[in-house]
Amino acid sequence: MRPVLFIIPKFGPWVMFLLVIVSSVLFLGIYFLLKRRVQDIKKLRKDLAGYAIFILAGIVALHFFAPVPIRTYGVAVAVGFLAALSVAMRMAKRVGIKAEYMLDFGVYVLVGIVLGSRLFYFLFYDLEYLLRAPWRFFALWEGGLVFYGGVVGAVITGVYYVKKKRLDMLKIIDIASVVALLGLFFGRWGCLGYGCCFGKVASSSFPCPITFPDKHFYGFTPAFEHQLLRGLVKSTDKFSLPVYPVQIMSSINALILFFILTWLYKRRKFDGQTAAFSLMFYAITRFLLEFLRVNPSWLGLTVSQWIGIVMLILGLVLYRLAKRKAGMN
C-alpha cells in the first residue's frame, strides 16, 4: 500500500512559471480535442477558462504551501472521474445529448458524490469523530467515502441539474449508471492505497490474502489498528494478520459489471432499463462482498447490506416504472 504517491517539494519562481506554461498548453490541447465533440463552443471556452484559472491558482498556492503530498486516494478518484466522464460524453452524444451538458452534469454529480459519501461515512460509521473535529469532514485524503452515500448525493445533485436543463432523465441515468462503475473500478484502488475498506481476517484456506504494514504516512494503517484494538496483533508486530483483499475484489467486481452493463446498454429495450439493472446487480454483488468486509452490523447485517436491499428494491421499482413509461407491459 502507498497512501502518498509522491510529495511536491517547494519550488522557485522559474519552476512555477514552467508549470503555468505546461498547464496552459494542456488546456489548449483539451480545448482542441473537445472542440469537435461539443456544439456550444462559447460555453466550452467559458468552462475551460474557469477550470484553468482554478488550476493555475492552485499552482501559485503550491509555491507558498509546499511541500504538498499527492495522495493515492485523490489520484485514483480523479482518474476514475475523468475516465467515467470521457465515456459518458461519448455515450451521450450517440443518444442526442450535447457533450457539454454531460460535462456540467459530471461536475454536479462529483460534488454530490463527495458530499454524500462523506456524510454517510460519518453518520453510519464515525459520527463521534466528526463531532469532535467537524473540519475533518473535508479531509478526503483520510479515506472514508461510502459508495451508497455517493449514489444518494449524486442522485440529488444530478436530478437537480437534469431538471434545471430539462434533459431526458432516463437517458441520463442509464449512462450515469454504467460509467459510475468504471469510476468505482479506479476508486477502489485508492482504497487499497490508503488501506481503508479492508477485509476480515482471512481463513487459512483462502488462496490469496493480503497483509497491511503496521504504519503508513498517517500513522497506524486502518486494518492493523482495528486488529490491534481487538488484541489480534501486538504493537510490536510489523504487519496485520492476513485479510481478504476486498478492495481488489470490489474493483474487479465494478469492472466486470461495467462491461456487462455496457453490453446490456447497447441492447436495451427501453430507457431506464440499464440503470435498473445497474442498481440490482451492484446491490447483489455488494451484499455478498460485505460478508468479507469489516463493517458495523445491525440486526445481523451491515449497514451497506441493508442499503443494498433498499437499492435492490429501488432497481425493481425503476425497472417496472420505466417499462410502463415506454408502453411495455
C-alpha atoms as a PDB file:
ATOM      1  CA  MET A   1       0.000   0.000   0.000  1.00  0.00           C
ATOM      2  CA  ARG A   2       1.109   3.523  -0.722  1.00  0.00           C
ATOM      3  CA  PRO A   3      -1.160   6.302   0.627  1.00  0.00           C
ATOM      4  CA  VAL A   4       1.107   9.026  -0.785  1.00  0.00           C
ATOM      5  CA  LEU A   5       2.368   8.667  -4.351  1.00  0.00           C
ATOM      6  CA  PHE A   6       4.912  11.478  -4.099  1.00  0.00           C
ATOM      7  CA  ILE A   7       5.492  14.821  -2.434  1.00  0.00           C
ATOM      8  CA  ILE A   8       5.702  18.071  -4.360  1.00  0.00           C
ATOM      9  CA  PRO A   9       8.681  19.955  -2.921  1.00  0.00           C
ATOM     10  CA  LYS A  10       8.902  23.710  -2.534  1.00  0.00           C
ATOM     11  CA  PHE A  11       9.953  25.158  -5.876  1.00  0.00           C
ATOM     12  CA  GLY A  12      11.226  28.502  -7.089  1.00  0.00           C
ATOM     13  CA  PRO A  13       9.556  31.030  -9.396  1.00  0.00           C
ATOM     14  CA  TRP A  14      11.091  29.543 -12.580  1.00  0.00           C
ATOM     15  CA  VAL A  15       9.610  26.123 -11.882  1.00  0.00           C
ATOM     16  CA  MET A  16       6.259  27.736 -11.119  1.00  0.00           C
ATOM     17  CA  PHE A  17       6.447  29.608 -14.439  1.00  0.00           C
ATOM     18  CA  LEU A  18       7.187  26.336 -16.245  1.00  0.00           C
ATOM     19  CA  LEU A  19       4.185  24.636 -14.596  1.00  0.00           C
ATOM     20  CA  VAL A  20       1.947  27.504 -15.687  1.00  0.00           C
ATOM     21  CA  ILE A  21       3.169  27.157 -19.287  1.00  0.00           C
ATOM     22  CA  VAL A  22       2.687  23.367 -19.280  1.00  0.00           C
ATOM     23  CA  SER A  23      -0.807  23.704 -17.783  1.00  0.00           C
ATOM     24  CA  SER A  24      -1.759  26.320 -20.364  1.00  0.00           C
ATOM     25  CA  VAL A  25      -0.618  24.085 -23.202  1.00  0.00           C
ATOM     26  CA  LEU A  26      -2.524  21.178 -21.661  1.00  0.00           C
ATOM     27  CA  PHE A  27      -5.764  23.160 -21.502  1.00  0.00           C
ATOM     28  CA  LEU A  28      -5.306  24.304 -25.101  1.00  0.00           C
ATOM     29  CA  GLY A  29      -4.897  20.663 -26.077  1.00  0.00           C
ATOM     30  CA  ILE A  30      -8.082  19.731 -24.218  1.00  0.00           C
ATOM     31  CA  TYR A  31      -9.912  22.594 -25.939  1.00  0.00           C
ATOM     32  CA  PHE A  32      -8.940  21.478 -29.439  1.00  0.00           C
ATOM     33  CA  LEU A  33      -9.716  17.855 -28.529  1.00  0.00           C
ATOM     34  CA  LEU A  34     -13.237  18.694 -27.321  1.00  0.00           C
ATOM     35  CA  LYS A  35     -13.912  21.362 -29.933  1.00  0.00           C
ATOM     36  CA  ARG A  36     -15.132  18.784 -32.451  1.00  0.00           C
ATOM     37  CA  ARG A  37     -17.334  16.985 -29.924  1.00  0.00           C
ATOM     38  CA  VAL A  38     -19.340  19.874 -28.492  1.00  0.00           C
ATOM     39  CA  GLN A  39     -21.819  22.203 -30.156  1.00  0.00           C
ATOM     40  CA  ASP A  40     -21.674  25.224 -27.853  1.00  0.00           C
ATOM     41  CA  ILE A  41     -18.086  26.439 -28.358  1.00  0.00           C
ATOM     42  CA  LYS A  42     -18.587  29.599 -26.299  1.00  0.00           C
ATOM     43  CA  LYS A  43     -19.716  27.578 -23.297  1.00  0.00           C
ATOM     44  CA  LEU A  44     -16.757  25.224 -23.703  1.00  0.00           C
ATOM     45  CA  ARG A  45     -14.363  28.163 -23.685  1.00  0.00           C
ATOM     46  CA  LYS A  46     -16.033  29.625 -20.616  1.00  0.00           C
ATOM     47  CA  ASP A  47     -15.929  26.325 -18.707  1.00  0.00           C
ATOM     48  CA  LEU A  48     -12.314  25.567 -19.589  1.00  0.00           C
ATOM     49  CA  ALA A  49     -11.289  29.106 -18.700  1.00  0.00           C
ATOM     50  CA  GLY A  50     -12.841  28.656 -15.267  1.00  0.00           C
ATOM     51  CA  TYR A  51     -11.094  25.314 -14.720  1.00  0.00           C
ATOM     52  CA  ALA A  52      -7.793  26.777 -15.982  1.00  0.00           C
ATOM     53  CA  ILE A  53      -7.969  29.688 -13.552  1.00  0.00           C
ATOM     54  CA  PHE A  54      -8.653  27.258 -10.710  1.00  0.00           C
ATOM     55  CA  ILE A  55      -5.671  25.049 -11.663  1.00  0.00           C
ATOM     56  CA  LEU A  56      -3.324  27.997 -12.188  1.00  0.00           C
ATOM     57  CA  ALA A  57      -4.329  29.451  -8.818  1.00  0.00           C
ATOM     58  CA  GLY A  58      -3.529  26.053  -7.305  1.00  0.00           C
ATOM     59  CA  ILE A  59      -0.064  26.105  -8.864  1.00  0.00           C
ATOM     60  CA  VAL A  60       0.615  29.532  -7.384  1.00  0.00           C
ATOM     61  CA  ALA A  61      -0.658  28.313  -3.990  1.00  0.00           C
ATOM     62  CA  LEU A  62       1.747  25.360  -4.152  1.00  0.00           C
ATOM     63  CA  HIS A  63       4.625  27.805  -4.167  1.00  0.00           C
ATOM     64  CA  PHE A  64       3.569  29.050  -0.738  1.00  0.00           C
ATOM     65  CA  PHE A  65       2.259  25.852   0.879  1.00  0.00           C
ATOM     66  CA  ALA A  66       4.721  23.239  -0.429  1.00  0.00           C
ATOM     67  CA  PRO A  67       5.817  20.581   0.288  1.00  0.00           C
ATOM     68  CA  VAL A  68       2.455  19.006  -0.613  1.00  0.00           C
ATOM     69  CA  PRO A  69       1.848  15.230  -0.592  1.00  0.00           C
ATOM     70  CA  ILE A  70      -0.009  13.857  -3.634  1.00  0.00           C
ATOM     71  CA  ARG A  71      -2.222  11.115  -2.223  1.00  0.00           C
ATOM     72  CA  THR A  72      -3.082   7.869  -3.951  1.00  0.00           C
ATOM     73  CA  TYR A  73      -6.729   8.110  -2.934  1.00  0.00           C
ATOM     74  CA  GLY A  74      -7.220  11.502  -4.561  1.00  0.00           C
ATOM     75  CA  VAL A  75      -5.392  10.494  -7.726  1.00  0.00           C
ATOM     76  CA  ALA A  76      -7.454   7.297  -8.047  1.00  0.00           C
ATOM     77  CA  VAL A  77     -10.729   9.189  -7.591  1.00  0.00           C
ATOM     78  CA  ALA A  78      -9.665  11.859 -10.093  1.00  0.00           C
ATOM     79  CA  VAL A  79      -8.629   9.289 -12.710  1.00  0.00           C
ATOM     80  CA  GLY A  80     -11.884   7.389 -12.172  1.00  0.00           C
ATOM     81  CA  PHE A  81     -13.948  10.549 -12.548  1.00  0.00           C
ATOM     82  CA  LEU A  82     -12.180  11.642 -15.735  1.00  0.00           C
ATOM     83  CA  ALA A  83     -12.425   8.162 -17.267  1.00  0.00           C
ATOM     84  CA  ALA A  84     -16.136   7.932 -16.426  1.00  0.00           C
ATOM     85  CA  LEU A  85     -16.817  11.445 -17.725  1.00  0.00           C
ATOM     86  CA  SER A  86     -14.990  10.760 -21.000  1.00  0.00           C
ATOM     87  CA  VAL A  87     -17.043   7.619 -21.661  1.00  0.00           C
ATOM     88  CA  ALA A  88     -20.257   9.384 -20.593  1.00  0.00           C
ATOM     89  CA  MET A  89     -19.712  12.216 -23.079  1.00  0.00           C
ATOM     90  CA  ARG A  90     -19.328   9.755 -25.949  1.00  0.00           C
ATOM     91  CA  MET A  91     -22.387   7.778 -24.877  1.00  0.00           C
ATOM     92  CA  ALA A  92     -24.459  10.963 -24.523  1.00  0.00           C
ATOM     93  CA  LYS A  93     -23.599  12.175 -27.996  1.00  0.00           C
ATOM     94  CA  ARG A  94     -24.895   8.925 -29.501  1.00  0.00           C
ATOM     95  CA  VAL A  95     -28.360   9.474 -27.994  1.00  0.00           C
ATOM     96  CA  GLY A  96     -28.623  13.132 -28.941  1.00  0.00           C
ATOM     97  CA  ILE A  97     -27.459  14.742 -25.683  1.00  0.00           C
ATOM     98  CA  LYS A  98     -24.894  17.527 -26.016  1.00  0.00           C
ATOM     99  CA  ALA A  99     -21.487  16.584 -24.684  1.00  0.00           C
ATOM    100  CA  GLU A 100     -21.206  19.885 -22.795  1.00  0.00           C
ATOM    101  CA  TYR A 101     -24.367  19.020 -20.866  1.00  0.00           C
ATOM    102  CA  MET A 102     -22.744  15.792 -19.771  1.00  0.00           C
ATOM    103  CA  LEU A 103     -19.620  17.693 -18.758  1.00  0.00           C
ATOM    104  CA  ASP A 104     -21.618  20.004 -16.495  1.00  0.00           C
ATOM    105  CA  PHE A 105     -23.672  17.071 -15.239  1.00  0.00           C
ATOM    106  CA  GLY A 106     -20.436  15.355 -14.250  1.00  0.00           C
ATOM    107  CA  VAL A 107     -19.335  18.346 -12.156  1.00  0.00           C
ATOM    108  CA  TYR A 108     -22.682  18.425 -10.324  1.00  0.00           C
ATOM    109  CA  VAL A 109     -22.512  14.683  -9.733  1.00  0.00           C
ATOM    110  CA  LEU A 110     -18.930  14.887  -8.462  1.00  0.00           C
ATOM    111  CA  VAL A 111     -19.972  17.417  -5.817  1.00  0.00           C
ATOM    112  CA  GLY A 112     -22.885  15.176  -4.822  1.00  0.00           C
ATOM    113  CA  ILE A 113     -20.669  12.094  -4.646  1.00  0.00           C
ATOM    114  CA  VAL A 114     -18.120  13.749  -2.366  1.00  0.00           C
ATOM    115  CA  LEU A 115     -20.676  15.319  -0.021  1.00  0.00           C
ATOM    116  CA  GLY A 116     -22.988  12.289   0.060  1.00  0.00           C
ATOM    117  CA  SER A 117     -20.325   9.628   0.508  1.00  0.00           C
ATOM    118  CA  ARG A 118     -18.589  11.651   3.207  1.00  0.00           C
ATOM    119  CA  LEU A 119     -21.847  12.364   5.053  1.00  0.00           C
ATOM    120  CA  PHE A 120     -22.874   8.694   5.018  1.00  0.00           C
ATOM    121  CA  TYR A 121     -19.477   7.635   6.327  1.00  0.00           C
ATOM    122  CA  PHE A 122     -19.721   9.853   9.400  1.00  0.00           C
ATOM    123  CA  LEU A 123     -23.426   9.247  10.026  1.00  0.00           C
ATOM    124  CA  PHE A 124     -23.140   5.463   9.987  1.00  0.00           C
ATOM    125  CA  TYR A 125     -19.534   4.773  10.998  1.00  0.00           C
ATOM    126  CA  ASP A 126     -17.809   7.629  12.827  1.00  0.00           C
ATOM    127  CA  LEU A 127     -20.223  10.355  13.947  1.00  0.00           C
ATOM    128  CA  GLU A 128     -18.407  10.876  17.254  1.00  0.00           C
ATOM    129  CA  TYR A 129     -15.169  11.636  15.405  1.00  0.00           C
ATOM    130  CA  LEU A 130     -16.934  14.241  13.237  1.00  0.00           C
ATOM    131  CA  LEU A 131     -18.490  15.939  16.260  1.00  0.00           C
ATOM    132  CA  ARG A 132     -15.061  16.216  17.893  1.00  0.00           C
ATOM    133  CA  ALA A 133     -13.443  17.666  14.775  1.00  0.00           C
ATOM    134  CA  PRO A 134     -16.022  18.928  12.235  1.00  0.00           C
ATOM    135  CA  TRP A 135     -13.336  20.174   9.858  1.00  0.00           C
ATOM    136  CA  ARG A 136     -12.366  16.527   9.253  1.00  0.00           C
ATOM    137  CA  PHE A 137     -15.429  16.288   7.006  1.00  0.00           C
ATOM    138  CA  PHE A 138     -13.280  17.789   4.251  1.00  0.00           C
ATOM    139  CA  ALA A 139     -10.181  15.663   4.960  1.00  0.00           C
ATOM    140  CA  LEU A 140     -10.784  13.413   1.960  1.00  0.00           C
ATOM    141  CA  TRP A 141      -7.193  12.180   1.979  1.00  0.00           C
ATOM    142  CA  GLU A 142      -8.016  10.183   5.109  1.00  0.00           C
ATOM    143  CA  GLY A 143     -10.441   7.958   3.199  1.00  0.00           C
ATOM    144  CA  GLY A 144     -13.956   7.412   4.479  1.00  0.00           C
ATOM    145  CA  LEU A 145     -16.158   7.609   1.385  1.00  0.00           C
ATOM    146  CA  VAL A 146     -19.239   5.374   1.339  1.00  0.00           C
ATOM    147  CA  PHE A 147     -20.321   4.332  -2.157  1.00  0.00           C
ATOM    148  CA  TYR A 148     -24.022   4.261  -1.315  1.00  0.00           C
ATOM    149  CA  GLY A 149     -23.805   7.750   0.145  1.00  0.00           C
ATOM    150  CA  GLY A 150     -22.133   8.876  -3.066  1.00  0.00           C
ATOM    151  CA  VAL A 151     -25.046   7.396  -5.031  1.00  0.00           C
ATOM    152  CA  VAL A 152     -27.578   9.322  -2.936  1.00  0.00           C
ATOM    153  CA  GLY A 153     -25.610  12.561  -3.233  1.00  0.00           C
ATOM    154  CA  ALA A 154     -25.125  12.072  -6.980  1.00  0.00           C
ATOM    155  CA  VAL A 155     -28.844  11.429  -7.449  1.00  0.00           C
ATOM    156  CA  ILE A 156     -29.785  14.625  -5.615  1.00  0.00           C
ATOM    157  CA  THR A 157     -27.365  16.930  -7.466  1.00  0.00           C
ATOM    158  CA  GLY A 158     -27.791  15.052 -10.755  1.00  0.00           C
ATOM    159  CA  VAL A 159     -31.597  15.257 -10.678  1.00  0.00           C
ATOM    160  CA  TYR A 160     -31.356  18.955  -9.857  1.00  0.00           C
ATOM    161  CA  TYR A 161     -29.195  19.574 -12.935  1.00  0.00           C
ATOM    162  CA  VAL A 162     -31.318  17.395 -15.233  1.00  0.00           C
ATOM    163  CA  LYS A 163     -34.487  19.195 -14.136  1.00  0.00           C
ATOM    164  CA  LYS A 164     -32.771  22.552 -14.496  1.00  0.00           C
ATOM    165  CA  LYS A 165     -31.738  21.806 -18.093  1.00  0.00           C
ATOM    166  CA  ARG A 166     -34.908  19.809 -18.874  1.00  0.00           C
ATOM    167  CA  LEU A 167     -32.982  16.776 -20.087  1.00  0.00           C
ATOM    168  CA  ASP A 168     -34.298  13.237 -20.501  1.00  0.00           C
ATOM    169  CA  MET A 169     -33.937  11.762 -17.020  1.00  0.00           C
ATOM    170  CA  LEU A 170     -33.967   8.090 -18.001  1.00  0.00           C
ATOM    171  CA  LYS A 171     -31.398   8.537 -20.772  1.00  0.00           C
ATOM    172  CA  ILE A 172     -29.077  10.345 -18.370  1.00  0.00           C
ATOM    173  CA  ILE A 173     -29.318   7.815 -15.537  1.00  0.00           C
ATOM    174  CA  ASP A 174     -28.750   4.937 -17.964  1.00  0.00           C
ATOM    175  CA  ILE A 175     -25.438   6.486 -18.970  1.00  0.00           C
ATOM    176  CA  ALA A 176     -24.505   7.507 -15.430  1.00  0.00           C
ATOM    177  CA  SER A 177     -25.219   4.048 -14.008  1.00  0.00           C
ATOM    178  CA  VAL A 178     -22.783   2.464 -16.467  1.00  0.00           C
ATOM    179  CA  VAL A 179     -19.870   4.901 -16.166  1.00  0.00           C
ATOM    180  CA  ALA A 180     -20.191   5.089 -12.361  1.00  0.00           C
ATOM    181  CA  LEU A 181     -18.885   1.534 -12.198  1.00  0.00           C
ATOM    182  CA  LEU A 182     -15.853   2.482 -14.271  1.00  0.00           C
ATOM    183  CA  GLY A 183     -15.133   5.275 -11.805  1.00  0.00           C
ATOM    184  CA  LEU A 184     -15.568   2.855  -8.911  1.00  0.00           C
ATOM    185  CA  PHE A 185     -13.052   0.479 -10.501  1.00  0.00           C
ATOM    186  CA  PHE A 186     -10.349   3.128 -10.175  1.00  0.00           C
ATOM    187  CA  GLY A 187     -11.597   4.453  -6.849  1.00  0.00           C
ATOM    188  CA  ARG A 188     -11.223   1.110  -5.076  1.00  0.00           C
ATOM    189  CA  TRP A 189      -7.510   1.111  -5.880  1.00  0.00           C
ATOM    190  CA  GLY A 190      -7.348   4.348  -3.937  1.00  0.00           C
ATOM    191  CA  CYS A 191      -8.948   2.493  -1.032  1.00  0.00           C
ATOM    192  CA  LEU A 192      -6.221  -0.117  -1.270  1.00  0.00           C
ATOM    193  CA  GLY A 193      -3.523   2.551  -1.385  1.00  0.00           C
ATOM    194  CA  TYR A 194      -4.803   4.183   1.793  1.00  0.00           C
ATOM    195  CA  GLY A 195      -5.812   0.922   3.472  1.00  0.00           C
ATOM    196  CA  CYS A 196      -9.472   1.717   4.178  1.00  0.00           C
ATOM    197  CA  CYS A 197     -12.448  -0.564   3.365  1.00  0.00           C
ATOM    198  CA  PHE A 198     -10.350  -3.553   4.460  1.00  0.00           C
ATOM    199  CA  GLY A 199     -11.470  -7.149   4.822  1.00  0.00           C
ATOM    200  CA  LYS A 200     -11.888  -9.540   7.707  1.00  0.00           C
ATOM    201  CA  VAL A 201      -9.118 -11.892   8.782  1.00  0.00           C
ATOM    202  CA  ALA A 202      -8.897 -14.458   6.000  1.00  0.00           C
ATOM    203  CA  SER A 203      -9.426 -18.162   6.579  1.00  0.00           C
ATOM    204  CA  SER A 204      -6.376 -20.423   6.293  1.00  0.00           C
ATOM    205  CA  SER A 205      -7.821 -21.991   3.135  1.00  0.00           C
ATOM    206  CA  PHE A 206      -8.157 -18.691   1.271  1.00  0.00           C
ATOM    207  CA  PRO A 207      -5.518 -18.726  -1.504  1.00  0.00           C
ATOM    208  CA  CYS A 208      -4.526 -15.063  -1.827  1.00  0.00           C
ATOM    209  CA  PRO A 209      -4.972 -12.895   1.296  1.00  0.00           C
ATOM    210  CA  ILE A 210      -3.100  -9.630   1.791  1.00  0.00           C
ATOM    211  CA  THR A 211      -1.456  -8.033   4.817  1.00  0.00           C
ATOM    212  CA  PHE A 212      -1.059  -4.381   5.740  1.00  0.00           C
ATOM    213  CA  PRO A 213       2.008  -2.852   7.416  1.00  0.00           C
ATOM    214  CA  ASP A 214       1.631  -1.539  10.935  1.00  0.00           C
ATOM    215  CA  LYS A 215       2.099   2.100   9.909  1.00  0.00           C
ATOM    216  CA  HIS A 216       1.979   4.373   6.909  1.00  0.00           C
ATOM    217  CA  PHE A 217       2.249   8.097   6.216  1.00  0.00           C
ATOM    218  CA  TYR A 218      -0.587   8.973   8.620  1.00  0.00           C
ATOM    219  CA  GLY A 219       0.141   6.551  11.482  1.00  0.00           C
ATOM    220  CA  PHE A 220      -1.334   3.104  12.039  1.00  0.00           C
ATOM    221  CA  THR A 221      -2.934   1.543   8.978  1.00  0.00           C
ATOM    222  CA  PRO A 222      -6.710   1.040   9.426  1.00  0.00           C
ATOM    223  CA  ALA A 223      -6.535  -2.767   9.272  1.00  0.00           C
ATOM    224  CA  PHE A 224      -3.627  -3.009  11.712  1.00  0.00           C
ATOM    225  CA  GLU A 225      -5.244  -0.556  14.137  1.00  0.00           C
ATOM    226  CA  HIS A 226      -8.536  -2.489  14.002  1.00  0.00           C
ATOM    227  CA  GLN A 227      -6.751  -5.738  14.847  1.00  0.00           C
ATOM    228  CA  LEU A 228      -4.578  -4.061  17.484  1.00  0.00           C
ATOM    229  CA  LEU A 229      -7.614  -2.720  19.365  1.00  0.00           C
ATOM    230  CA  ARG A 230      -9.087  -6.215  19.421  1.00  0.00           C
ATOM    231  CA  GLY A 231      -5.923  -7.899  20.628  1.00  0.00           C
ATOM    232  CA  LEU A 232      -5.342  -9.784  17.386  1.00  0.00           C
ATOM    233  CA  VAL A 233      -1.881  -8.258  16.889  1.00  0.00           C
ATOM    234  CA  LYS A 234       0.678  -6.617  19.163  1.00  0.00           C
ATOM    235  CA  SER A 235       2.052  -3.095  18.892  1.00  0.00           C
ATOM    236  CA  THR A 236       5.470  -4.623  18.184  1.00  0.00           C
ATOM    237  CA  ASP A 237       4.182  -6.534  15.131  1.00  0.00           C
ATOM    238  CA  LYS A 238       5.119  -5.145  11.750  1.00  0.00           C
ATOM    239  CA  PHE A 239       2.165  -6.454   9.744  1.00  0.00           C
ATOM    240  CA  SER A 240      -1.516  -7.169  10.223  1.00  0.00           C
ATOM    241  CA  LEU A 241      -2.939 -10.655  10.078  1.00  0.00           C
ATOM    242  CA  PRO A 242      -3.784 -11.770   6.511  1.00  0.00           C
ATOM    243  CA  VAL A 243      -7.147 -10.337   5.416  1.00  0.00           C
ATOM    244  CA  TYR A 244      -9.453 -10.773   2.444  1.00  0.00           C
ATOM    245  CA  PRO A 245      -8.407  -8.392  -0.388  1.00  0.00           C
ATOM    246  CA  VAL A 246     -11.858  -6.851  -0.639  1.00  0.00           C
ATOM    247  CA  GLN A 247     -10.613  -3.602  -2.197  1.00  0.00           C
ATOM    248  CA  ILE A 248      -9.206  -5.568  -5.131  1.00  0.00           C
ATOM    249  CA  MET A 249     -12.271  -7.800  -5.267  1.00  0.00           C
ATOM    250  CA  SER A 250     -14.566  -4.759  -5.243  1.00  0.00           C
ATOM    251  CA  SER A 251     -12.560  -3.134  -8.016  1.00  0.00           C
ATOM    252  CA  ILE A 252     -12.715  -6.242 -10.206  1.00  0.00           C
ATOM    253  CA  ASN A 253     -16.419  -6.574  -9.448  1.00  0.00           C
ATOM    254  CA  ALA A 254     -17.011  -2.988 -10.623  1.00  0.00           C
ATOM    255  CA  LEU A 255     -15.058  -3.558 -13.843  1.00  0.00           C
ATOM    256  CA  ILE A 256     -16.954  -6.763 -14.645  1.00  0.00           C
ATOM    257  CA  LEU A 257     -20.280  -5.025 -14.013  1.00  0.00           C
ATOM    258  CA  PHE A 258     -19.143  -2.111 -16.209  1.00  0.00           C
ATOM    259  CA  PHE A 259     -18.544  -4.443 -19.167  1.00  0.00           C
ATOM    260  CA  ILE A 260     -21.783  -6.352 -18.574  1.00  0.00           C
ATOM    261  CA  LEU A 261     -23.858  -3.186 -18.355  1.00  0.00           C
ATOM    262  CA  THR A 262     -22.140  -1.672 -21.395  1.00  0.00           C
ATOM    263  CA  TRP A 263     -23.190  -4.781 -23.318  1.00  0.00           C
ATOM    264  CA  LEU A 264     -26.739  -4.556 -21.946  1.00  0.00           C
ATOM    265  CA  TYR A 265     -26.926  -0.815 -22.648  1.00  0.00           C
ATOM    266  CA  LYS A 266     -26.362  -1.390 -26.344  1.00  0.00           C
ATOM    267  CA  ARG A 267     -29.216  -3.926 -26.313  1.00  0.00           C
ATOM    268  CA  ARG A 268     -31.631  -2.044 -24.030  1.00  0.00           C
ATOM    269  CA  LYS A 269     -35.309  -2.234 -24.937  1.00  0.00           C
ATOM    270  CA  PHE A 270     -36.341   0.960 -23.120  1.00  0.00           C
ATOM    271  CA  ASP A 271     -34.747   3.921 -21.357  1.00  0.00           C
ATOM    272  CA  GLY A 272     -34.140   3.264 -17.673  1.00  0.00           C
ATOM    273  CA  GLN A 273     -33.610  -0.460 -18.116  1.00  0.00           C
ATOM    274  CA  THR A 274     -29.824  -0.261 -17.813  1.00  0.00           C
ATOM    275  CA  ALA A 275     -29.999   1.910 -14.692  1.00  0.00           C
ATOM    276  CA  ALA A 276     -32.400  -0.572 -13.085  1.00  0.00           C
ATOM    277  CA  PHE A 277     -30.063  -3.476 -13.878  1.00  0.00           C
ATOM    278  CA  SER A 278     -27.112  -1.496 -12.516  1.00  0.00           C
ATOM    279  CA  LEU A 279     -28.858  -0.891  -9.192  1.00  0.00           C
ATOM    280  CA  MET A 280     -29.860  -4.542  -8.852  1.00  0.00           C
ATOM    281  CA  PHE A 281     -26.558  -6.076  -9.956  1.00  0.00           C
ATOM    282  CA  TYR A 282     -24.418  -3.864  -7.746  1.00  0.00           C
ATOM    283  CA  ALA A 283     -26.731  -4.321  -4.753  1.00  0.00           C
ATOM    284  CA  ILE A 284     -26.450  -8.118  -5.019  1.00  0.00           C
ATOM    285  CA  THR A 285     -22.670  -8.245  -5.509  1.00  0.00           C
ATOM    286  CA  ARG A 286     -22.009  -5.659  -2.791  1.00  0.00           C
ATOM    287  CA  PHE A 287     -24.296  -7.575  -0.406  1.00  0.00           C
ATOM    288  CA  LEU A 288     -22.143 -10.677  -0.913  1.00  0.00           C
ATOM    289  CA  LEU A 289     -18.824  -8.835  -0.639  1.00  0.00           C
ATOM    290  CA  GLU A 290     -19.920  -7.348   2.686  1.00  0.00           C
ATOM    291  CA  PHE A 291     -19.588 -10.781   4.304  1.00  0.00           C
ATOM    292  CA  LEU A 292     -15.826 -10.423   3.787  1.00  0.00           C
ATOM    293  CA  ARG A 293     -15.511  -6.792   4.910  1.00  0.00           C
ATOM    294  CA  VAL A 294     -15.097  -5.268   8.351  1.00  0.00           C
ATOM    295  CA  ASN A 295     -18.158  -3.099   8.917  1.00  0.00           C
ATOM    296  CA  PRO A 296     -20.511  -2.442  11.854  1.00  0.00           C
ATOM    297  CA  SER A 297     -23.593  -4.661  11.819  1.00  0.00           C
ATOM    298  CA  TRP A 298     -27.206  -4.023  12.763  1.00  0.00           C
ATOM    299  CA  LEU A 299     -29.768  -6.827  13.172  1.00  0.00           C
ATOM    300  CA  GLY A 300     -27.346  -9.324  11.719  1.00  0.00           C
ATOM    301  CA  LEU A 301     -26.424  -7.365   8.582  1.00  0.00           C
ATOM    302  CA  THR A 302     -24.050  -4.489   7.894  1.00  0.00           C
ATOM    303  CA  VAL A 303     -25.361  -1.024   7.120  1.00  0.00           C
ATOM    304  CA  SER A 304     -24.239  -1.440   3.499  1.00  0.00           C
ATOM    305  CA  GLN A 305     -26.172  -4.694   3.228  1.00  0.00           C
ATOM    306  CA  TRP A 306     -29.356  -3.020   4.454  1.00  0.00           C
ATOM    307  CA  ILE A 307     -28.792  -0.185   1.990  1.00  0.00           C
ATOM    308  CA  GLY A 308     -28.149  -2.809  -0.688  1.00  0.00           C
ATOM    309  CA  ILE A 309     -31.567  -4.351  -0.001  1.00  0.00           C
ATOM    310  CA  VAL A 310     -33.164  -0.917  -0.443  1.00  0.00           C
ATOM    311  CA  MET A 311     -31.167  -0.398  -3.639  1.00  0.00           C
ATOM    312  CA  LEU A 312     -32.348  -3.760  -4.993  1.00  0.00           C
ATOM    313  CA  ILE A 313     -35.978  -2.810  -4.337  1.00  0.00           C
ATOM    314  CA  LEU A 314     -35.438   0.583  -5.986  1.00  0.00           C
ATOM    315  CA  GLY A 315     -33.952  -1.170  -9.014  1.00  0.00           C
ATOM    316  CA  LEU A 316     -37.015  -3.390  -9.327  1.00  0.00           C
ATOM    317  CA  VAL A 317     -39.356  -0.399  -8.974  1.00  0.00           C
ATOM    318  CA  LEU A 318     -37.386   1.617 -11.531  1.00  0.00           C
ATOM    319  CA  TYR A 319     -37.497  -1.285 -13.991  1.00  0.00           C
ATOM    320  CA  ARG A 320     -41.262  -1.528 -13.651  1.00  0.00           C
ATOM    321  CA  LEU A 321     -41.889   2.224 -13.939  1.00  0.00           C
ATOM    322  CA  ALA A 322     -39.506   2.712 -16.879  1.00  0.00           C
ATOM    323  CA  LYS A 323     -41.043  -0.231 -18.704  1.00  0.00           C
ATOM    324  CA  ARG A 324     -44.515   1.149 -18.148  1.00  0.00           C
ATOM    325  CA  LYS A 325     -43.460   4.599 -19.355  1.00  0.00           C
ATOM    326  CA  ALA A 326     -42.159   3.011 -22.553  1.00  0.00           C
ATOM    327  CA  GLY A 327     -45.605   1.493 -23.093  1.00  0.00           C
ATOM    328  CA  MET A 328     -44.436  -2.076 -22.460  1.00  0.00           C
ATOM    329  CA  ASN A 329     -46.309  -4.463 -20.187  1.00  0.00           C
END
